[in-house]
Amino acid sequence: MIKSLIITHGSLGKELVKVCEKIFEKSIDIECICFDWKEDGTSAINKVEDFIEKNKEDKIMIFTDMFGGSPSNICFKFVNKNIEIITGINLPGLLKFITYRKKNMDFKKLAKIVKKGAIEGVNIIGEYLGEIK
């Protein structure tokens, strides 16, 4: 089983999960940590450690909102063969994760699929429409 955690500035992660639940019309098993703007990160680190301890028998994919931001920085030390972190998560990437996570595939391959989905979800509409005069 692959467990997942999303940790973002403010409530962005919770909102992404809510949208996924609306799209899939069911509850989505992704825990959220909302990084408090005023804290030093200690509370968030403790929550991540608790999540990892509670799910130590499973593979864990952690999503953060931005590479180099506090949520991702506090998670880097947890990366190992059973824990991967994907930064810059967006709705297309999260939908890709939810769609593929229960398929019997290599954990690292799943991470690459999610990354690709997130990247491909970013487009410039003008490039599709051509030059508008």
Protein backbone atom coordinates (compact mmCIF):
# COMPACT_ATOMS: atom_id res chain seq x y z
CA MET A 1 0.00 0.00 0.00
CA ILE A 2 1.16 3.54 -0.69
CA LYS A 3 0.23 6.14 1.89
CA SER A 4 0.32 9.81 1.08
CA LEU A 5 0.71 13.11 2.81
CA ILE A 6 0.41 16.61 1.40
CA ILE A 7 2.06 19.48 3.23
CA THR A 8 1.60 22.99 1.92
CA HIS A 9 1.65 26.63 2.91
CA GLY A 10 -1.75 27.52 4.32
CA SER A 11 -4.66 25.29 3.35
CA LEU A 12 -3.69 24.71 -0.29
CA GLY A 13 -3.26 20.95 0.27
CA LYS A 14 -6.68 20.57 1.87
CA GLU A 15 -8.27 22.41 -1.04
CA LEU A 16 -6.50 20.21 -3.60
CA VAL A 17 -7.78 17.11 -1.81
CA LYS A 18 -11.33 18.55 -1.67
CA VAL A 19 -11.27 19.12 -5.43
CA CYS A 20 -10.02 15.56 -6.03
CA GLU A 21 -12.79 14.20 -3.83
CA LYS A 22 -15.34 16.17 -5.85
CA ILE A 23 -13.91 14.88 -9.14
CA PHE A 24 -13.76 11.24 -8.01
CA GLU A 25 -16.99 11.54 -5.99
CA LYS A 26 -15.46 9.74 -3.02
CA SER A 27 -13.25 10.34 -0.02
CA ILE A 28 -9.55 10.40 -0.87
CA ASP A 29 -7.07 8.89 1.60
CA ILE A 30 -4.47 11.68 1.64
CA GLU A 31 -3.52 13.30 4.93
CA CYS A 32 -2.89 17.04 4.95
CA ILE A 33 -0.62 19.23 7.01
CA CYS A 34 -1.21 22.95 6.70
CA PHE A 35 2.09 24.73 7.34
CA ASP A 36 1.47 27.57 9.78
CA TRP A 37 2.93 30.82 8.46
CA LYS A 38 3.95 31.92 11.95
CA GLU A 39 5.70 28.79 13.19
CA ASP A 40 9.30 27.65 12.90
CA GLY A 41 8.32 24.27 11.48
CA THR A 42 8.70 22.19 14.65
CA SER A 43 5.03 21.31 14.80
CA ALA A 44 4.95 20.35 11.13
CA ILE A 45 8.08 18.19 11.51
CA ASN A 46 6.46 16.41 14.46
CA LYS A 47 3.33 15.76 12.39
CA VAL A 48 5.40 14.37 9.50
CA GLU A 49 7.33 12.13 11.90
CA ASP A 50 4.06 10.90 13.41
CA PHE A 51 2.66 10.15 9.94
CA ILE A 52 5.79 8.23 8.98
CA GLU A 53 5.81 6.26 12.23
CA LYS A 54 2.13 5.38 11.86
CA ASN A 55 2.70 4.19 8.28
CA LYS A 56 6.19 2.69 8.60
CA GLU A 57 5.12 -0.61 7.02
CA ASP A 58 4.02 1.16 3.82
CA LYS A 59 5.64 3.18 1.08
CA ILE A 60 4.96 6.89 1.54
CA MET A 61 4.68 9.64 -1.03
CA ILE A 62 4.82 13.17 0.37
CA PHE A 63 3.66 16.09 -1.75
CA THR A 64 4.69 19.68 -1.12
CA ASP A 65 3.68 22.87 -2.86
CA MET A 66 7.06 24.30 -3.83
CA PHE A 67 10.67 23.18 -4.05
CA GLY A 68 12.71 25.24 -1.60
CA GLY A 69 9.70 26.25 0.48
CA SER A 70 9.46 25.41 4.17
CA PRO A 71 7.14 22.39 3.67
CA SER A 72 9.58 20.71 1.29
CA ASN A 73 12.67 21.74 3.25
CA ILE A 74 11.43 20.06 6.43
CA CYS A 75 10.72 16.83 4.52
CA PHE A 76 14.06 16.33 2.73
CA LYS A 77 15.61 14.43 5.62
CA PHE A 78 12.92 11.74 5.40
CA VAL A 79 13.67 10.59 1.85
CA ASN A 80 14.68 6.93 1.66
CA LYS A 81 13.82 3.86 -0.45
CA ASN A 82 10.29 3.84 0.99
CA ILE A 83 9.62 7.58 1.14
CA GLU A 84 9.60 9.94 -1.82
CA ILE A 85 8.82 13.64 -1.93
CA ILE A 86 7.31 15.39 -4.92
CA THR A 87 7.52 19.16 -4.81
CA GLY A 88 5.39 21.57 -6.80
CA ILE A 89 2.33 19.36 -6.67
CA ASN A 90 -0.70 20.60 -8.56
CA LEU A 91 -4.13 19.24 -9.36
CA PRO A 92 -3.09 17.29 -12.50
CA GLY A 93 -0.24 15.62 -10.59
CA LEU A 94 -2.44 14.73 -7.65
CA LEU A 95 -5.12 13.30 -9.95
CA LYS A 96 -2.44 11.19 -11.65
CA PHE A 97 -1.30 9.88 -8.24
CA ILE A 98 -4.82 8.96 -7.18
CA THR A 99 -5.45 7.23 -10.51
CA TYR A 100 -2.25 5.16 -10.49
CA ARG A 101 -1.41 4.52 -6.82
CA LYS A 102 -3.40 1.30 -6.50
CA LYS A 103 -1.94 -0.22 -9.64
CA ASN A 104 0.77 -2.75 -8.99
CA MET A 105 3.79 -0.75 -10.14
CA ASP A 106 7.23 0.22 -8.95
CA PHE A 107 7.15 3.02 -6.37
CA LYS A 108 9.78 5.11 -8.18
CA LYS A 109 7.93 4.66 -11.48
CA LEU A 110 4.77 6.00 -9.84
CA ALA A 111 6.70 9.07 -8.65
CA LYS A 112 7.85 9.70 -12.22
CA ILE A 113 4.31 9.33 -13.57
CA VAL A 114 3.04 11.86 -11.02
CA LYS A 115 5.84 14.30 -11.89
CA LYS A 116 5.13 13.96 -15.60
CA GLY A 117 1.40 14.49 -15.03
CA ALA A 118 2.05 17.60 -12.96
CA ILE A 119 4.41 19.06 -15.57
CA GLU A 120 2.13 18.22 -18.48
CA GLY A 121 -0.74 19.87 -16.61
CA VAL A 122 0.93 23.26 -17.07
CA ASN A 123 0.23 24.74 -20.49
CA ILE A 124 0.15 28.07 -22.29
CA ILE A 125 -3.22 28.24 -24.01
CA GLY A 126 -1.97 30.76 -26.57
CA GLU A 127 0.39 28.11 -27.91
CA TYR A 128 -2.64 25.95 -28.74
CA LEU A 129 -4.72 28.75 -30.17
CA GLY A 130 -1.96 30.30 -32.25
CA GLU A 131 -1.38 34.01 -32.62
CA ILE A 132 -4.49 36.01 -31.84
CA LYS A 133 -4.83 39.32 -33.66
